[in-house]
Amino acid sequence: MSVLVLVEHTNGTFKKKSLEAVQYAAHIAKEMNSTVTAVATGNVSDAAMQELGAYGAQKVLHTTDARLDNFSSRAFTRVMLAAAAKESAKVIIGIHDTTGKAVTPRIAASLKAGIVAGAVAWPDLSKGFVVKKNVFSGKGFAYVNITSEVKVITMMPNTYPVVKGEGSAAVEKLEVTFDDKDFAVQVKEVLKATGEIPLSEAELVVSGGRGMKGPENWGVLEDLAKELGAALACSRPVADSHWRPHNEHVGQTGGTIRPNLYIAVGISGAIQHLAGVNGSKTIVVINKDPEAPFFSAANYGVLGDALEIVPRLTEAVKKYKANH
């Protein structure tokens, strides 16, 4: 009776959020006196799957059908249902991302399971199976008790740090019989965003808004991000004005992120933007408008012209790094 977790990889390398999901599943399994079985699809090496044991998985079920290299929600669901049947899984974990949000509702419907989307804490098993999640665009929390026999959860990425331990997972082939309809919707092309740090997995993020006055000034943010080892993000008006690519847009209609540090530069902090970033552990706001709503949500605020403050901040980071 394993805790089942869907893991995702890019060109055979498991994503950070997948490792976090395995750790999340391992915590639940320990509380339930159970084990963790990860489910992997497509072209990935045995060595990479065995390494999931260092994050808490005892077993990895692998379906090798080449068609799974391109995402299909129906096909991925069929794989997870086959794995759930094989393992008699009572708890199934996905990541609260594009894949998880497409697959887990199908799993829940098929198994008549209760589902909580976007968990931000480990389930509390002392009073049933209570899962904490954000509600009202992150302005509050809900505590949901899943009472069904099978329970499905998607976990918000960057909720917990990834800590590698020891151990190796056993890898088993999972044979799955597919229907032609499982691949009726196909991915024809994937355009990957460039950059050293994926925004969804970044622990440090530097973000800019209309207060940057134009794309020609973005270099000051790029310099700061480079010194911090941070990813770059932007507000919706910036993306809509084509100052920055849309994959950098965070907010209610863009990406949702939960970094350890979010530096918002020249962003007023409308509720739509806050909805995508208010899970950040620490928020620093730099803005020359003392009435900017973002200041009320910030842990630290700097009042002043971003084009003067950010270069000075970058120099301070350089000096700090030189002395440490």
Protein backbone atom coordinates (compact mmCIF):
# COMPACT_ATOMS: atom_id res chain seq x y z
CA MET A 1 0.00 0.00 0.00
CA SER A 2 2.43 2.62 -1.26
CA VAL A 3 2.10 6.38 -1.47
CA LEU A 4 2.24 6.99 -5.22
CA VAL A 5 3.92 10.06 -6.73
CA LEU A 6 4.11 11.17 -10.37
CA VAL A 7 7.62 12.44 -11.20
CA GLU A 8 8.54 14.55 -14.20
CA HIS A 9 11.83 14.83 -16.03
CA THR A 10 13.41 16.91 -18.79
CA ASN A 11 15.66 14.98 -21.15
CA GLY A 12 16.15 12.30 -18.51
CA THR A 13 16.89 14.65 -15.61
CA PHE A 14 14.29 14.80 -12.86
CA LYS A 15 13.05 18.28 -12.07
CA LYS A 16 13.65 19.82 -8.67
CA LYS A 17 9.91 19.97 -8.03
CA SER A 18 9.69 16.22 -8.66
CA LEU A 19 12.37 15.57 -6.04
CA GLU A 20 10.41 17.78 -3.66
CA ALA A 21 7.25 15.80 -4.40
CA VAL A 22 9.06 12.54 -3.61
CA GLN A 23 10.18 14.00 -0.27
CA TYR A 24 6.63 15.18 0.40
CA ALA A 25 5.33 11.68 -0.31
CA ALA A 26 8.03 10.18 1.92
CA HIS A 27 6.87 12.27 4.87
CA ILE A 28 3.29 11.06 4.38
CA ALA A 29 4.44 7.45 3.96
CA LYS A 30 6.38 7.62 7.23
CA GLU A 31 3.28 8.88 9.05
CA MET A 32 1.22 6.07 7.52
CA ASN A 33 3.91 3.40 8.06
CA SER A 34 4.00 2.88 4.31
CA THR A 35 6.45 3.24 1.41
CA VAL A 36 6.87 5.56 -1.59
CA THR A 37 6.56 4.44 -5.20
CA ALA A 38 7.46 6.96 -7.89
CA VAL A 39 6.01 6.66 -11.39
CA ALA A 40 8.19 7.72 -14.32
CA THR A 41 7.43 7.75 -18.03
CA GLY A 42 9.37 7.91 -21.26
CA ASN A 43 13.11 8.03 -21.90
CA VAL A 44 14.96 8.15 -18.58
CA SER A 45 17.86 6.04 -17.37
CA ASP A 46 17.74 3.43 -14.61
CA ALA A 47 20.52 5.32 -12.79
CA ALA A 48 18.45 8.52 -12.66
CA MET A 49 15.43 6.62 -11.37
CA GLN A 50 17.47 4.72 -8.78
CA GLU A 51 18.72 8.06 -7.46
CA LEU A 52 15.15 8.93 -6.43
CA GLY A 53 15.84 6.62 -3.49
CA ALA A 54 18.03 9.36 -2.03
CA TYR A 55 14.90 11.52 -1.76
CA GLY A 56 12.63 8.92 -0.19
CA ALA A 57 11.37 6.55 -2.90
CA GLN A 58 11.71 2.82 -2.32
CA LYS A 59 10.51 1.87 -5.81
CA VAL A 60 10.11 3.41 -9.26
CA LEU A 61 7.59 2.07 -11.77
CA HIS A 62 8.69 2.94 -15.31
CA THR A 63 6.59 2.90 -18.47
CA THR A 64 8.83 3.13 -21.52
CA ASP A 65 6.35 3.76 -24.36
CA ALA A 66 8.08 6.34 -26.58
CA ARG A 67 4.80 8.19 -27.11
CA LEU A 68 4.96 9.27 -23.46
CA ASP A 69 7.94 11.51 -24.21
CA ASN A 70 5.27 14.00 -25.31
CA PHE A 71 2.71 14.83 -22.65
CA SER A 72 -0.82 13.45 -22.95
CA SER A 73 -3.13 13.85 -19.97
CA ARG A 74 -5.16 10.77 -20.89
CA ALA A 75 -2.09 8.58 -21.39
CA PHE A 76 -0.41 9.79 -18.20
CA THR A 77 -3.64 9.15 -16.31
CA ARG A 78 -3.78 5.59 -17.62
CA VAL A 79 -0.20 5.03 -16.41
CA MET A 80 -1.02 6.36 -12.95
CA LEU A 81 -4.19 4.26 -12.70
CA ALA A 82 -2.21 1.14 -13.64
CA ALA A 83 0.40 2.00 -11.01
CA ALA A 84 -2.27 2.69 -8.39
CA ALA A 85 -3.85 -0.70 -9.03
CA LYS A 86 -0.50 -2.50 -8.89
CA GLU A 87 0.50 -0.80 -5.63
CA SER A 88 -2.98 -0.63 -4.03
CA ALA A 89 -2.21 3.05 -3.52
CA LYS A 90 -4.43 4.98 -1.12
CA VAL A 91 -2.57 8.31 -1.46
CA ILE A 92 -1.51 9.74 -4.84
CA ILE A 93 0.70 12.83 -5.11
CA GLY A 94 1.18 15.13 -8.09
CA ILE A 95 2.80 18.50 -8.56
CA HIS A 96 0.62 21.61 -8.82
CA ASP A 97 1.84 22.45 -12.31
CA THR A 98 0.57 21.98 -15.85
CA THR A 99 1.04 18.21 -15.76
CA GLY A 100 -0.33 17.66 -12.28
CA LYS A 101 -3.36 19.88 -12.80
CA ALA A 102 -4.23 18.01 -16.00
CA VAL A 103 -3.73 14.47 -14.69
CA THR A 104 -4.79 14.38 -11.03
CA PRO A 105 -8.45 15.40 -11.57
CA ARG A 106 -8.78 12.52 -14.04
CA ILE A 107 -7.25 10.14 -11.51
CA ALA A 108 -9.58 11.38 -8.77
CA ALA A 109 -12.65 11.03 -10.99
CA SER A 110 -11.69 7.51 -12.06
CA LEU A 111 -11.03 6.33 -8.50
CA LYS A 112 -13.86 8.34 -6.88
CA ALA A 113 -11.18 9.94 -4.73
CA GLY A 114 -11.19 13.19 -2.80
CA ILE A 115 -8.69 15.71 -4.16
CA VAL A 116 -6.96 18.80 -2.78
CA ALA A 117 -5.18 20.99 -5.34
CA GLY A 118 -2.25 23.15 -4.28
CA ALA A 119 -1.31 21.82 -0.84
CA VAL A 120 1.16 24.00 1.08
CA ALA A 121 1.79 21.75 4.08
CA TRP A 122 2.02 18.09 5.00
CA PRO A 123 -1.33 16.49 5.77
CA ASP A 124 -2.34 16.41 9.42
CA LEU A 125 -3.19 12.79 10.20
CA SER A 126 -4.06 13.41 13.84
CA LYS A 127 -7.65 14.36 12.99
CA GLY A 128 -8.30 12.42 9.82
CA PHE A 129 -6.41 13.50 6.67
CA VAL A 130 -6.43 17.29 6.78
CA VAL A 131 -4.65 19.17 4.00
CA LYS A 132 -3.82 22.89 4.07
CA LYS A 133 -4.11 24.94 0.87
CA ASN A 134 -4.29 28.56 -0.25
CA VAL A 135 -7.67 30.12 -1.05
CA PHE A 136 -8.89 33.51 -2.30
CA SER A 137 -5.77 34.11 -4.40
CA GLY A 138 -3.52 33.39 -1.46
CA LYS A 139 -5.23 35.74 0.99
CA GLY A 140 -6.31 32.88 3.23
CA PHE A 141 -5.97 29.17 3.97
CA ALA A 142 -8.44 26.31 3.89
CA TYR A 143 -8.05 23.06 5.82
CA VAL A 144 -9.67 20.23 3.88
CA ASN A 145 -10.32 16.82 5.41
CA ILE A 146 -10.25 14.13 2.71
CA THR A 147 -12.52 11.31 3.86
CA SER A 148 -12.53 9.09 0.75
CA GLU A 149 -10.64 5.80 0.75
CA VAL A 150 -8.24 7.04 -1.95
CA LYS A 151 -6.79 10.53 -1.55
CA VAL A 152 -5.23 12.70 -4.26
CA ILE A 153 -3.08 15.78 -3.62
CA THR A 154 -1.17 18.22 -5.80
CA MET A 155 1.67 19.92 -3.95
CA MET A 156 2.74 23.52 -4.56
CA PRO A 157 6.38 23.59 -5.74
CA ASN A 158 9.01 25.33 -3.60
CA THR A 159 7.11 24.58 -0.41
CA TYR A 160 10.02 22.67 1.13
CA PRO A 161 13.78 22.64 0.46
CA VAL A 162 15.08 19.61 -1.39
CA VAL A 163 17.50 17.61 0.76
CA LYS A 164 19.35 14.67 -0.74
CA GLY A 165 19.88 11.74 1.57
CA GLU A 166 21.03 8.21 0.95
CA GLY A 167 19.47 5.17 -0.62
CA SER A 168 18.66 3.70 -4.00
CA ALA A 169 15.24 2.90 -5.42
CA ALA A 170 14.38 -0.39 -7.11
CA VAL A 171 13.24 0.08 -10.72
CA GLU A 172 10.45 -2.04 -12.19
CA LYS A 173 8.87 -1.98 -15.62
CA LEU A 174 5.19 -1.07 -15.62
CA GLU A 175 3.33 -2.54 -18.57
CA VAL A 176 0.36 -0.41 -19.62
CA THR A 177 -2.11 -1.10 -22.41
CA PHE A 178 -3.11 2.11 -24.14
CA ASP A 179 -6.13 2.97 -26.23
CA ASP A 180 -5.70 5.01 -29.42
CA LYS A 181 -7.80 7.72 -27.80
CA ASP A 182 -5.12 8.12 -25.12
CA PHE A 183 -2.95 9.85 -27.70
CA ALA A 184 -5.71 11.59 -29.65
CA VAL A 185 -4.40 14.95 -28.42
CA GLN A 186 -0.71 15.23 -29.18
CA VAL A 187 2.02 17.75 -28.41
CA LYS A 188 3.50 18.80 -31.75
CA GLU A 189 6.08 21.29 -30.55
CA VAL A 190 7.56 22.45 -27.25
CA LEU A 191 9.21 25.86 -27.06
CA LYS A 192 11.41 25.97 -24.00
CA ALA A 193 12.22 29.22 -22.27
CA THR A 194 15.90 30.03 -22.20
CA GLY A 195 17.77 30.87 -19.01
CA GLU A 196 19.93 29.12 -16.48
CA ILE A 197 17.29 28.93 -13.73
CA PRO A 198 13.69 27.77 -14.41
CA LEU A 199 11.39 30.41 -12.92
CA SER A 200 9.04 27.83 -11.41
CA GLU A 201 11.91 26.26 -9.44
CA ALA A 202 13.90 29.39 -8.59
CA GLU A 203 14.58 30.10 -4.93
CA LEU A 204 15.57 33.71 -5.69
CA VAL A 205 13.61 35.89 -8.13
CA VAL A 206 14.14 39.47 -9.30
CA SER A 207 11.03 40.94 -10.93
CA GLY A 208 10.32 44.20 -12.72
CA GLY A 209 7.25 46.26 -13.53
CA ARG A 210 6.30 49.39 -15.41
CA GLY A 211 8.40 51.39 -12.97
CA MET A 212 11.43 50.26 -14.96
CA LYS A 213 10.19 52.74 -17.62
CA GLY A 214 11.20 50.63 -20.61
CA PRO A 215 12.99 47.49 -21.82
CA GLU A 216 16.21 49.44 -22.27
CA ASN A 217 16.55 49.64 -18.48
CA TRP A 218 16.21 45.92 -17.86
CA GLY A 219 19.97 45.50 -17.77
CA VAL A 220 20.09 46.73 -14.17
CA LEU A 221 17.75 43.91 -13.13
CA GLU A 222 19.73 41.38 -15.16
CA ASP A 223 22.92 42.46 -13.39
CA LEU A 224 21.31 42.06 -9.96
CA ALA A 225 19.84 38.68 -10.87
CA LYS A 226 23.23 37.48 -12.13
CA GLU A 227 24.99 38.47 -8.91
CA LEU A 228 22.30 36.82 -6.77
CA GLY A 229 21.99 33.72 -8.95
CA ALA A 230 18.31 34.60 -9.34
CA ALA A 231 15.70 34.09 -12.06
CA LEU A 232 14.04 37.04 -13.78
CA ALA A 233 10.29 37.71 -13.74
CA CYS A 234 7.94 40.54 -14.64
CA SER A 235 4.42 41.87 -14.16
CA ARG A 236 1.67 41.42 -16.73
CA PRO A 237 1.81 44.98 -18.16
CA VAL A 238 5.49 44.44 -18.91
CA ALA A 239 4.81 41.19 -20.77
CA ASP A 240 1.80 42.69 -22.58
CA SER A 241 3.99 45.61 -23.72
CA HIS A 242 6.53 43.08 -25.04
CA TRP A 243 9.30 44.43 -22.85
CA ARG A 244 9.87 40.89 -21.62
CA PRO A 245 8.76 37.43 -22.82
CA HIS A 246 5.45 36.11 -21.52
CA ASN A 247 7.09 33.11 -19.85
CA GLU A 248 8.48 35.56 -17.26
CA HIS A 249 5.03 36.89 -16.34
CA VAL A 250 4.00 36.00 -12.78
CA GLY A 251 0.60 36.71 -11.28
CA GLN A 252 -2.97 35.48 -11.33
CA THR A 253 -2.96 35.13 -15.13
CA GLY A 254 0.69 34.08 -15.33
CA GLY A 255 2.96 31.83 -13.32
CA THR A 256 2.64 31.14 -9.61
CA ILE A 257 5.95 31.04 -7.75
CA ARG A 258 7.07 30.44 -4.16
CA PRO A 259 10.74 31.51 -3.95
CA ASN A 260 12.64 32.09 -0.74
CA LEU A 261 13.24 35.69 -1.85
CA TYR A 262 11.17 37.79 -4.25
CA ILE A 263 12.50 41.26 -5.13
CA ALA A 264 9.78 43.36 -6.80
CA VAL A 265 11.15 46.44 -8.58
CA GLY A 266 8.80 49.10 -9.90
CA ILE A 267 5.71 46.93 -9.41
CA SER A 268 2.68 48.53 -7.75
CA GLY A 269 1.41 45.22 -6.36
CA ALA A 270 -2.12 44.88 -7.69
CA ILE A 271 -4.03 41.93 -6.28
CA GLN A 272 -3.66 40.05 -9.57
CA HIS A 273 0.12 40.17 -9.26
CA LEU A 274 0.13 39.33 -5.57
CA ALA A 275 -1.89 36.20 -6.27
CA GLY A 276 1.09 34.73 -8.10
CA VAL A 277 3.83 35.65 -5.65
CA ASN A 278 2.38 35.90 -2.14
CA GLY A 279 3.66 32.42 -1.33
CA SER A 280 7.19 33.86 -1.35
CA LYS A 281 8.98 33.43 1.96
CA THR A 282 10.46 36.95 1.89
CA ILE A 283 9.28 39.86 -0.28
CA VAL A 284 11.38 42.97 -0.88
CA VAL A 285 9.70 45.90 -2.66
CA ILE A 286 11.55 48.76 -4.35
CA ASN A 287 9.23 51.54 -5.49
CA LYS A 288 9.19 55.34 -5.56
CA ASP A 289 5.44 55.50 -4.88
CA PRO A 290 4.85 55.46 -1.10
CA GLU A 291 1.21 54.50 -1.73
CA ALA A 292 2.08 51.37 -3.73
CA PRO A 293 -0.08 48.50 -2.38
CA PHE A 294 2.90 46.14 -2.54
CA PHE A 295 4.45 47.80 0.52
CA SER A 296 1.66 46.41 2.72
CA ALA A 297 2.53 42.86 1.62
CA ALA A 298 6.31 43.30 1.79
CA ASN A 299 8.67 42.09 4.48
CA TYR A 300 11.06 44.89 3.52
CA GLY A 301 10.42 48.04 1.51
CA VAL A 302 12.76 50.54 -0.12
CA LEU A 303 11.27 53.89 -1.15
CA GLY A 304 13.06 55.48 -4.07
CA ASP A 305 13.94 55.41 -7.77
CA ALA A 306 14.65 51.84 -8.86
CA LEU A 307 17.17 52.96 -11.47
CA GLU A 308 19.26 54.49 -8.69
CA ILE A 309 18.70 51.89 -5.99
CA VAL A 310 19.13 48.64 -7.93
CA PRO A 311 22.67 49.38 -9.21
CA ARG A 312 23.71 50.27 -5.67
CA LEU A 313 22.17 47.05 -4.40
CA THR A 314 24.05 45.10 -7.06
CA GLU A 315 27.34 46.70 -5.99
CA ALA A 316 26.57 45.84 -2.36
CA VAL A 317 25.99 42.21 -3.32
CA LYS A 318 29.29 42.15 -5.20
CA LYS A 319 31.16 43.53 -2.19
CA TYR A 320 29.48 41.04 0.13
CA LYS A 321 30.41 38.13 -2.12
CA ALA A 322 34.01 39.35 -2.38
CA ASN A 323 34.35 39.37 1.41
CA HIS A 324 32.66 36.02 2.10
